[in-house]
Amino acid sequence: MSTVFDPLRLWTVSADVLAVDRGDAEGVVQRQRARLALLLEAVLRGSRLYRALWPASVRPDTPLCQLPVVTRAQLMERFDDWVTDPCLELDALRAFTADPARLAEPWMGRYMVWESSGTSGHPGIFVQDAQAMAVYDALEALRRSPSQPLARWLDPLGLAERTAFVGALGGHFASHVSLLRMAALNPWLGTRLRSFSIQAPLAELVAELNDFAPTVLATYPTAAALLADEAARGSLRIAPREVWTGGETLGAAVRTHIEKSLGSAVRNSYGTSEFLAMGWECAHGGMHLNADWHVLEPVDEHHRPVPAGQPSCSVLLTNLANAVQPLVRYDLGDRVTLQAGPCACGSPLPVFTVQGRQDDPLRMAGRGGRCVTLLPLALSTVLEEEAGVFDFHLRQLDRHMLELHLPLEGETGRAAAARCSAALKAFAGAQGVVQVQVRVRLGQSVPRGRSGKACRIVACSR
């Protein structure tokens, strides 16, 4: 299968990434400015939506702060006017992402396509050209700090690694699509890269991981913590050198539990469907922004700048790598805190902390009195992919009962309630939950934080 890959672009971007790492903070700022000017020029030339939203006076050197904020719902509503390539049409892309047989297949031979979850109530579709993929590839390869630098030096391509990704596999999600693309680019790695479904029954997942024996485990913090529980009990018998986490907030206690139970170094990262490689964790534990390829503006609830050291209400993303589906001052919804001053590691890139998803694992009653943990990202995937519902609030009432709130009403709401109830019961039963009950309440507003993102899954102990 052909895939989106340009070795010359990758070489050029990689050389620049290495130059930035040896430079200073002013070099990062200069690159931001130059790339922003190129992006704004491309947007003014090719995006009907932005031309309609922006004042007529906007030029490539216009400061970002003078441009309006945009949201996912706003952009997706006018997708065909948003993108700068008229061959990209939303209806065709939705049909494409609805077909699981086309996972990681390049769209029109030149775009990687993935879909996002509906954390904000509005699922998205994102396309990446060869330039954007070269940027993501270079940032992932060159800025992920290895726990054993000598091993990475002896094996720079990771040919000796066995990498297991445990995540959502049912849709065209960025992490899974990227792994399949990597396997297509490097056929000799086909047997050393494997994806495992987060929706699989825990005993089945543990057995498959024991059989594969990964040296690198990539997953979400809640899934890593659950697997660490299994390792502590002796059922999971793997010894990964590293555990890569992302997609959720990683707390200090969870990190310690994973490291102790799996005997592995934990390397956390920050990425989104909108920009795959937003930030990386250095050996000193600092999370660094890849600020040479994006602009991240911490803002308050009125989209005013927030100073370093103060938590933001949300954050505005400008992606400097993708001019085909441009994101300029895009309200991402995450809460971040920029650190004043440089990191002890010497990197010129800014340091920050991020508060992303904080949905709860649900601990339910299993057979024989044992506890069964239902992971939040698995539950979200079940509701989104199997029931077709993206705006919801799921609350655990006790060890057997779940209550689902949907804003839908009428016949549409009743049909959605039936799909959701059946999907949740089937998933919970497959995981070993006994006597699970699902109560659905229609016409209920979904509680959201100040950023607009919902806390969608809440345990009864919260």
Protein backbone atom coordinates (compact mmCIF):
# COMPACT_ATOMS: atom_id res chain seq x y z
CA MET A 1 0.00 0.00 0.00
CA SER A 2 1.34 3.44 -0.94
CA THR A 3 1.42 5.99 1.82
CA VAL A 4 2.07 9.67 2.40
CA PHE A 5 5.83 10.01 2.69
CA ASP A 6 8.37 12.38 1.16
CA PRO A 7 11.95 11.48 2.20
CA LEU A 8 13.36 14.82 1.03
CA ARG A 9 10.84 16.76 3.14
CA LEU A 10 11.58 14.51 6.11
CA TRP A 11 15.33 15.05 5.73
CA THR A 12 14.87 18.84 5.48
CA VAL A 13 12.58 19.05 8.51
CA SER A 14 14.80 16.70 10.54
CA ALA A 15 17.87 18.84 9.86
CA ASP A 16 15.97 21.92 11.00
CA VAL A 17 14.69 20.17 14.16
CA LEU A 18 18.26 19.25 15.09
CA ALA A 19 19.41 22.83 14.42
CA VAL A 20 16.68 24.18 16.73
CA ASP A 21 17.69 21.78 19.49
CA ARG A 22 21.25 23.16 19.33
CA GLY A 23 20.09 26.78 19.14
CA ASP A 24 18.41 29.26 21.46
CA ALA A 25 14.91 30.53 22.20
CA GLU A 26 15.27 33.40 19.72
CA GLY A 27 15.78 30.85 16.94
CA VAL A 28 12.45 29.26 17.86
CA VAL A 29 10.68 32.63 17.75
CA GLN A 30 12.19 33.48 14.35
CA ARG A 31 10.99 30.18 12.89
CA GLN A 32 7.51 30.76 14.33
CA ARG A 33 7.28 34.16 12.69
CA ALA A 34 8.52 32.99 9.29
CA ARG A 35 6.23 29.95 9.23
CA LEU A 36 3.24 31.94 10.44
CA ALA A 37 3.68 34.40 7.57
CA LEU A 38 3.78 31.53 5.06
CA LEU A 39 0.67 29.98 6.65
CA LEU A 40 -1.33 33.21 6.58
CA GLU A 41 -0.35 33.77 2.97
CA ALA A 42 -1.61 30.28 2.04
CA VAL A 43 -4.84 30.81 4.02
CA LEU A 44 -5.57 34.15 2.38
CA ARG A 45 -5.01 32.56 -1.01
CA GLY A 46 -6.95 29.34 -0.53
CA SER A 47 -9.50 29.32 2.34
CA ARG A 48 -12.88 30.91 1.63
CA LEU A 49 -13.94 30.49 5.25
CA TYR A 50 -11.06 32.40 6.79
CA ARG A 51 -11.32 35.15 4.16
CA ALA A 52 -14.94 35.59 5.21
CA LEU A 53 -14.10 35.61 8.92
CA TRP A 54 -11.05 37.86 8.81
CA PRO A 55 -10.97 41.63 8.26
CA ALA A 56 -10.04 42.70 4.75
CA SER A 57 -6.89 44.33 6.15
CA VAL A 58 -5.28 41.01 7.18
CA ARG A 59 -1.84 40.44 5.65
CA PRO A 60 0.77 37.68 6.11
CA ASP A 61 2.52 39.84 8.73
CA THR A 62 -0.67 40.53 10.75
CA PRO A 63 -0.14 39.66 14.46
CA LEU A 64 -2.09 36.60 15.60
CA CYS A 65 -3.77 38.53 18.40
CA GLN A 66 -5.67 40.58 15.81
CA LEU A 67 -7.35 37.50 14.30
CA PRO A 68 -10.62 35.97 15.58
CA VAL A 69 -10.80 32.71 17.51
CA VAL A 70 -12.37 29.72 15.72
CA THR A 71 -13.94 26.52 17.04
CA ARG A 72 -14.18 22.97 15.73
CA ALA A 73 -17.96 23.23 15.27
CA GLN A 74 -17.53 26.42 13.28
CA LEU A 75 -14.88 24.93 10.99
CA MET A 76 -16.58 21.57 10.48
CA GLU A 77 -19.86 23.29 9.59
CA ARG A 78 -18.13 24.89 6.60
CA PHE A 79 -15.48 22.24 5.96
CA ASP A 80 -15.45 22.60 2.16
CA ASP A 81 -14.83 26.36 2.49
CA TRP A 82 -12.25 25.84 5.25
CA VAL A 83 -9.75 23.60 3.40
CA THR A 84 -7.45 25.05 0.76
CA ASP A 85 -7.64 22.04 -1.60
CA PRO A 86 -11.08 21.95 -3.29
CA CYS A 87 -10.70 18.20 -3.84
CA LEU A 88 -11.26 17.70 -0.10
CA GLU A 89 -15.01 17.33 0.39
CA LEU A 90 -16.56 16.53 3.75
CA ASP A 91 -19.19 14.06 2.55
CA ALA A 92 -16.59 11.99 0.70
CA LEU A 93 -14.22 12.04 3.67
CA ARG A 94 -16.98 10.99 6.04
CA ALA A 95 -17.79 8.03 3.80
CA PHE A 96 -14.09 7.19 3.75
CA THR A 97 -13.69 7.24 7.55
CA ALA A 98 -16.88 5.19 7.95
CA ASP A 99 -15.15 2.28 6.19
CA PRO A 100 -12.80 0.37 8.56
CA ALA A 101 -11.31 -1.49 5.59
CA ARG A 102 -9.68 1.75 4.47
CA LEU A 103 -7.72 2.44 7.68
CA ALA A 104 -4.43 4.22 6.91
CA GLU A 105 -5.19 4.26 3.18
CA PRO A 106 -4.00 7.57 1.68
CA TRP A 107 -6.87 9.73 0.46
CA MET A 108 -6.36 10.50 -3.22
CA GLY A 109 -2.87 9.09 -2.80
CA ARG A 110 -1.59 12.20 -1.00
CA TYR A 111 -3.40 12.76 2.30
CA MET A 112 -3.51 10.88 5.58
CA VAL A 113 -6.95 11.16 7.15
CA TRP A 114 -8.08 10.59 10.70
CA GLU A 115 -11.09 11.36 12.81
CA SER A 116 -11.25 12.71 16.32
CA SER A 117 -13.45 11.83 19.25
CA GLY A 118 -16.32 14.09 20.21
CA THR A 119 -14.99 15.38 23.53
CA SER A 120 -16.28 18.84 22.65
CA GLY A 121 -19.55 17.40 21.31
CA HIS A 122 -18.38 17.85 17.73
CA PRO A 123 -16.30 15.05 16.13
CA GLY A 124 -13.78 16.20 13.58
CA ILE A 125 -12.02 14.94 10.46
CA PHE A 126 -8.43 16.00 9.86
CA VAL A 127 -6.25 15.64 6.76
CA GLN A 128 -2.47 15.78 6.64
CA ASP A 129 -0.30 16.20 3.55
CA ALA A 130 3.31 15.07 3.08
CA GLN A 131 4.67 18.26 4.66
CA ALA A 132 2.63 17.85 7.85
CA MET A 133 3.51 14.16 8.11
CA ALA A 134 7.22 14.95 7.65
CA VAL A 135 6.98 17.40 10.57
CA TYR A 136 5.19 14.89 12.82
CA ASP A 137 7.63 12.11 11.87
CA ALA A 138 10.68 14.25 12.60
CA LEU A 139 9.36 15.54 15.93
CA GLU A 140 8.38 12.05 17.10
CA ALA A 141 11.70 10.50 16.03
CA LEU A 142 14.08 13.20 17.24
CA ARG A 143 12.50 14.68 20.35
CA ARG A 144 11.27 11.67 22.27
CA SER A 145 13.79 11.31 25.08
CA PRO A 146 14.88 7.64 25.43
CA SER A 147 15.27 6.15 28.89
CA GLN A 148 18.38 4.32 27.70
CA PRO A 149 20.30 6.63 25.32
CA LEU A 150 23.00 4.04 24.61
CA ALA A 151 20.42 1.51 23.43
CA ARG A 152 18.90 4.14 21.11
CA TRP A 153 22.38 5.02 19.79
CA LEU A 154 23.11 1.36 19.03
CA ASP A 155 19.68 0.87 17.43
CA PRO A 156 18.56 4.29 16.10
CA LEU A 157 15.75 2.84 13.96
CA GLY A 158 14.32 0.78 16.79
CA LEU A 159 14.68 -2.45 14.81
CA ALA A 160 15.08 -4.48 18.00
CA GLU A 161 11.97 -3.03 19.64
CA ARG A 162 8.61 -4.76 19.89
CA THR A 163 6.06 -1.97 20.20
CA ALA A 164 2.53 -2.62 21.43
CA PHE A 165 -0.15 0.06 21.13
CA VAL A 166 -3.21 -0.47 23.33
CA GLY A 167 -5.96 1.88 22.24
CA ALA A 168 -9.12 2.49 20.28
CA LEU A 169 -8.96 0.56 17.00
CA GLY A 170 -12.53 0.78 15.69
CA GLY A 171 -12.18 4.09 13.87
CA HIS A 172 -9.70 6.09 11.83
CA PHE A 173 -8.04 7.48 14.95
CA ALA A 174 -4.70 9.27 14.69
CA SER A 175 -2.59 6.93 16.85
CA HIS A 176 -3.79 3.73 15.17
CA VAL A 177 -3.62 5.20 11.66
CA SER A 178 -0.08 6.42 12.36
CA LEU A 179 1.02 2.98 13.55
CA LEU A 180 -0.43 1.30 10.46
CA ARG A 181 1.26 3.90 8.26
CA MET A 182 4.61 3.21 9.95
CA ALA A 183 4.20 -0.51 9.32
CA ALA A 184 3.38 0.20 5.66
CA LEU A 185 6.47 2.40 5.31
CA ASN A 186 8.71 -0.19 6.99
CA PRO A 187 7.48 -3.70 6.08
CA TRP A 188 10.32 -5.30 8.03
CA LEU A 189 8.73 -3.82 11.18
CA GLY A 190 5.37 -5.46 10.46
CA THR A 191 5.84 -8.21 13.03
CA ARG A 192 7.30 -5.82 15.60
CA LEU A 193 4.46 -3.28 15.66
CA ARG A 194 1.06 -4.45 16.91
CA SER A 195 -2.14 -2.78 17.99
CA PHE A 196 -4.37 -4.21 20.72
CA SER A 197 -7.95 -3.13 21.30
CA ILE A 198 -8.74 -1.28 24.49
CA GLN A 199 -12.23 -2.79 24.21
CA ALA A 200 -11.00 -6.39 24.44
CA PRO A 201 -11.86 -8.31 27.63
CA LEU A 202 -9.04 -7.74 30.10
CA ALA A 203 -8.04 -11.42 30.36
CA GLU A 204 -7.82 -11.62 26.56
CA LEU A 205 -5.75 -8.44 26.35
CA VAL A 206 -3.36 -9.65 29.05
CA ALA A 207 -2.88 -13.00 27.28
CA GLU A 208 -2.16 -11.29 23.96
CA LEU A 209 0.37 -8.93 25.51
CA ASN A 210 2.08 -11.81 27.31
CA ASP A 211 2.39 -13.60 23.99
CA PHE A 212 3.74 -10.54 22.15
CA ALA A 213 6.16 -9.53 24.96
CA PRO A 214 6.57 -5.86 23.96
CA THR A 215 9.68 -3.86 24.81
CA VAL A 216 7.70 -0.62 24.37
CA LEU A 217 4.09 -0.21 25.51
CA ALA A 218 2.14 2.80 24.18
CA THR A 219 -1.26 3.56 25.66
CA TYR A 220 -3.37 5.94 27.75
CA PRO A 221 -2.54 6.55 31.45
CA THR A 222 -5.73 4.85 32.68
CA ALA A 223 -5.03 1.78 30.53
CA ALA A 224 -1.39 1.69 31.66
CA ALA A 225 -2.53 1.86 35.30
CA LEU A 226 -4.95 -1.04 34.73
CA LEU A 227 -2.20 -3.12 33.13
CA ALA A 228 0.08 -2.21 36.02
CA ASP A 229 -2.56 -3.66 38.36
CA GLU A 230 -2.46 -6.89 36.37
CA ALA A 231 1.34 -6.96 36.53
CA ALA A 232 1.25 -6.46 40.29
CA ARG A 233 -1.16 -9.43 40.55
CA GLY A 234 1.17 -11.54 38.43
CA SER A 235 -1.17 -12.14 35.50
CA LEU A 236 0.61 -9.72 33.14
CA ARG A 237 4.16 -10.94 32.61
CA ILE A 238 5.78 -8.40 30.32
CA ALA A 239 8.89 -6.31 30.93
CA PRO A 240 8.73 -3.28 28.64
CA ARG A 241 11.74 -0.99 28.69
CA GLU A 242 9.50 2.04 28.26
CA VAL A 243 5.82 2.91 28.64
CA TRP A 244 4.66 5.77 26.42
CA THR A 245 1.53 7.52 27.64
CA GLY A 246 -0.68 10.25 26.19
CA GLY A 247 -4.25 11.26 25.51
CA GLU A 248 -5.17 11.78 29.17
CA THR A 249 -3.79 13.58 32.21
CA LEU A 250 -0.97 11.61 33.86
CA GLY A 251 -0.81 12.19 37.61
CA ALA A 252 2.28 11.64 39.74
CA ALA A 253 0.73 8.74 41.70
CA VAL A 254 -0.34 6.94 38.51
CA ARG A 255 3.14 7.40 37.02
CA THR A 256 4.76 5.91 40.13
CA HIS A 257 2.35 2.96 40.09
CA ILE A 258 3.10 2.20 36.42
CA GLU A 259 6.85 2.50 36.86
CA LYS A 260 6.89 0.33 39.99
CA SER A 261 4.55 -2.41 38.78
CA LEU A 262 5.85 -2.71 35.21
CA GLY A 263 9.46 -1.90 36.04
CA SER A 264 9.55 0.57 33.16
CA ALA A 265 10.41 4.17 32.55
CA VAL A 266 7.34 6.26 31.70
CA ARG A 267 7.61 8.81 28.89
CA ASN A 268 4.60 11.08 28.62
CA SER A 269 3.69 13.16 25.56
CA TYR A 270 1.05 15.65 24.48
CA GLY A 271 -0.64 15.28 21.12
CA THR A 272 -4.00 15.91 19.52
CA SER A 273 -5.80 15.04 16.32
CA GLU A 274 -5.17 18.64 15.31
CA PHE A 275 -1.38 18.40 15.80
CA LEU A 276 0.00 14.94 16.40
CA ALA A 277 3.21 15.90 18.23
CA MET A 278 2.44 18.93 20.38
CA GLY A 279 4.83 18.24 23.23
CA TRP A 280 7.39 15.80 24.59
CA GLU A 281 8.92 14.99 27.96
CA CYS A 282 12.65 15.43 28.48
CA ALA A 283 14.90 13.40 30.78
CA HIS A 284 14.45 16.07 33.48
CA GLY A 285 10.70 15.52 33.47
CA GLY A 286 9.81 18.78 31.75
CA MET A 287 7.09 18.75 29.07
CA HIS A 288 8.34 20.83 26.13
CA LEU A 289 6.23 22.44 23.43
CA ASN A 290 7.31 21.89 19.84
CA ALA A 291 6.94 25.64 19.46
CA ASP A 292 8.99 25.81 16.27
CA TRP A 293 6.05 24.17 14.44
CA HIS A 294 2.99 25.51 16.25
CA VAL A 295 1.85 28.47 18.30
CA LEU A 296 -0.02 27.76 21.52
CA GLU A 297 -1.70 30.71 23.26
CA PRO A 298 -2.92 30.15 26.84
CA VAL A 299 -6.06 32.24 27.33
CA ASP A 300 -8.75 32.96 29.92
CA GLU A 301 -12.51 32.49 29.43
CA HIS A 302 -12.60 35.69 27.34
CA HIS A 303 -9.69 34.58 25.13
CA ARG A 304 -7.33 37.08 26.73
CA PRO A 305 -3.66 36.06 27.18
CA VAL A 306 -2.71 34.30 30.40
CA PRO A 307 0.81 34.95 31.77
CA ALA A 308 3.39 32.26 32.50
CA GLY A 309 2.81 30.45 35.76
CA GLN A 310 -0.98 30.88 35.65
CA PRO A 311 -3.31 28.06 34.49
CA SER A 312 -5.30 28.89 31.39
CA CYS A 313 -9.00 28.36 30.81
CA SER A 314 -8.29 27.14 27.28
CA VAL A 315 -5.55 27.30 24.69
CA LEU A 316 -5.52 28.51 21.08
CA LEU A 317 -3.62 26.43 18.53
CA THR A 318 -2.10 27.67 15.29
CA ASN A 319 -0.65 24.76 13.31
CA LEU A 320 2.34 25.96 11.27
CA ALA A 321 2.84 22.62 9.51
CA ASN A 322 -0.51 22.17 7.74
CA ALA A 323 -1.64 24.73 5.15
CA VAL A 324 -4.18 22.36 3.56
CA GLN A 325 -6.56 22.33 6.54
CA PRO A 326 -5.35 25.46 8.34
CA LEU A 327 -5.89 25.95 12.05
CA VAL A 328 -5.39 29.57 13.09
CA ARG A 329 -6.26 30.52 16.68
CA TYR A 330 -8.28 27.32 17.07
CA ASP A 331 -9.85 26.85 20.51
CA LEU A 332 -8.43 23.50 21.60
CA GLY A 333 -10.07 23.43 25.02
CA ASP A 334 -7.15 22.07 27.04
CA ARG A 335 -5.88 23.87 30.12
CA VAL A 336 -2.15 24.56 30.18
CA THR A 337 0.35 26.42 32.33
CA LEU A 338 3.50 27.81 30.74
CA GLN A 339 6.63 27.79 32.86
CA ALA A 340 8.70 30.95 33.12
CA GLY A 341 12.36 30.41 32.28
CA PRO A 342 14.28 27.58 30.60
CA CYS A 343 14.36 23.90 31.52
CA ALA A 344 17.37 22.38 33.27
CA CYS A 345 17.85 20.10 30.26
CA GLY A 346 19.02 23.08 28.18
CA SER A 347 16.37 22.86 25.47
CA PRO A 348 15.36 26.22 23.96
CA LEU A 349 11.75 25.03 23.72
CA PRO A 350 9.26 26.31 26.34
CA VAL A 351 8.14 24.09 29.22
CA PHE A 352 4.51 23.67 30.22
CA THR A 353 2.06 21.46 32.05
CA VAL A 354 -1.24 20.36 30.56
CA GLN A 355 -4.54 19.26 32.02
CA GLY A 356 -6.27 17.22 29.35
CA ARG A 357 -8.95 14.56 29.65
CA GLN A 358 -9.85 13.59 33.18
CA ASP A 359 -12.64 11.09 32.72
CA ASP A 360 -12.81 8.39 35.37
CA PRO A 361 -12.28 4.64 35.17
CA LEU A 362 -15.46 2.92 36.39
CA ARG A 363 -15.01 0.06 38.86
CA MET A 364 -17.97 -2.30 38.55
CA ALA A 365 -19.03 -5.60 40.14
CA GLY A 366 -17.69 -8.72 38.45
CA ARG A 367 -18.19 -12.43 38.91
CA GLY A 368 -17.22 -13.88 42.26
CA GLY A 369 -17.16 -10.48 43.93
CA ARG A 370 -14.15 -9.25 41.98
CA CYS A 371 -13.83 -5.70 40.66
CA VAL A 372 -13.98 -5.02 36.90
CA THR A 373 -12.54 -1.75 35.62
CA LEU A 374 -14.13 -0.12 32.57
CA LEU A 375 -11.71 2.33 30.97
CA PRO A 376 -13.09 5.75 30.02
CA LEU A 377 -11.65 5.80 26.50
CA ALA A 378 -13.07 2.33 25.85
CA LEU A 379 -16.52 3.48 27.00
CA SER A 380 -16.29 6.62 24.86
CA THR A 381 -15.34 4.52 21.84
CA VAL A 382 -18.29 2.17 22.40
CA LEU A 383 -20.76 5.06 22.52
CA GLU A 384 -19.23 6.93 19.59
CA GLU A 385 -18.43 4.08 17.23
CA GLU A 386 -21.18 1.57 18.02
CA ALA A 387 -24.04 3.85 19.08
CA GLY A 388 -23.17 6.93 17.01
CA VAL A 389 -23.51 9.31 19.97
CA PHE A 390 -20.89 11.98 20.68
CA ASP A 391 -22.51 14.35 23.16
CA PHE A 392 -23.20 12.48 26.40
CA HIS A 393 -22.56 12.29 30.13
CA LEU A 394 -22.15 8.85 31.69
CA ARG A 395 -22.27 8.60 35.46
CA GLN A 396 -21.79 5.50 37.60
CA LEU A 397 -24.45 5.27 40.31
CA ASP A 398 -23.20 2.09 41.98
CA ARG A 399 -21.31 -1.11 41.14
CA HIS A 400 -24.11 -2.32 38.84
CA MET A 401 -25.88 0.84 37.60
CA LEU A 402 -24.90 3.41 34.98
CA GLU A 403 -26.86 6.54 34.16
CA LEU A 404 -26.47 8.10 30.72
CA HIS A 405 -27.57 11.67 30.00
CA LEU A 406 -28.28 12.65 26.39
CA PRO A 407 -29.39 16.06 25.12
CA LEU A 408 -31.49 14.36 22.44
CA GLU A 409 -35.28 14.11 22.72
CA GLY A 410 -38.25 12.55 20.93
CA GLU A 411 -37.98 9.57 18.61
CA THR A 412 -34.37 10.39 17.76
CA GLY A 413 -33.50 10.38 21.44
CA ARG A 414 -35.32 7.11 22.14
CA ALA A 415 -33.55 5.39 19.24
CA ALA A 416 -30.17 6.69 20.46
CA ALA A 417 -30.98 5.58 24.02
CA ALA A 418 -31.71 2.04 22.83
CA ARG A 419 -28.44 1.88 20.86
CA CYS A 420 -26.41 3.25 23.76
CA SER A 421 -27.98 0.94 26.33
CA ALA A 422 -27.42 -2.14 24.17
CA ALA A 423 -23.82 -1.17 23.36
CA LEU A 424 -22.92 -0.40 26.99
CA LYS A 425 -24.49 -3.61 28.31
CA ALA A 426 -22.74 -5.72 25.67
CA PHE A 427 -19.36 -4.13 26.36
CA ALA A 428 -19.67 -4.30 30.16
CA GLY A 429 -20.84 -7.91 29.97
CA ALA A 430 -17.91 -8.88 27.74
CA GLN A 431 -15.59 -7.34 30.32
CA GLY A 432 -17.12 -9.49 33.06
CA VAL A 433 -19.51 -7.04 34.75
CA VAL A 434 -22.53 -8.86 36.18
CA GLN A 435 -26.11 -7.57 36.31
CA VAL A 436 -25.22 -4.29 34.65
CA GLN A 437 -28.09 -1.83 34.29
CA VAL A 438 -28.19 1.30 32.15
CA ARG A 439 -30.64 4.11 32.81
CA VAL A 440 -30.93 6.73 30.07
CA ARG A 441 -32.31 10.22 30.67
CA LEU A 442 -33.14 12.26 27.58
CA GLY A 443 -33.24 16.02 27.17
CA GLN A 444 -30.41 16.50 29.65
CA SER A 445 -27.70 19.10 29.10
CA VAL A 446 -24.14 17.76 29.16
CA PRO A 447 -22.07 19.47 31.89
CA ARG A 448 -19.02 21.25 30.49
CA GLY A 449 -16.05 23.00 31.99
CA ARG A 450 -15.22 26.61 31.27
CA SER A 451 -13.30 25.48 28.17
CA GLY A 452 -16.44 23.90 26.68
CA LYS A 453 -15.11 20.34 26.88
CA ALA A 454 -17.28 17.87 28.73
CA CYS A 455 -16.22 15.62 31.57
CA ARG A 456 -18.10 12.76 30.02
CA ILE A 457 -17.50 9.77 32.33
CA VAL A 458 -17.71 10.10 36.11
CA ALA A 459 -17.27 7.42 38.79
CA CYS A 460 -19.67 7.21 41.70
CA SER A 461 -16.90 8.07 44.16
CA ARG A 462 -16.22 11.49 42.61
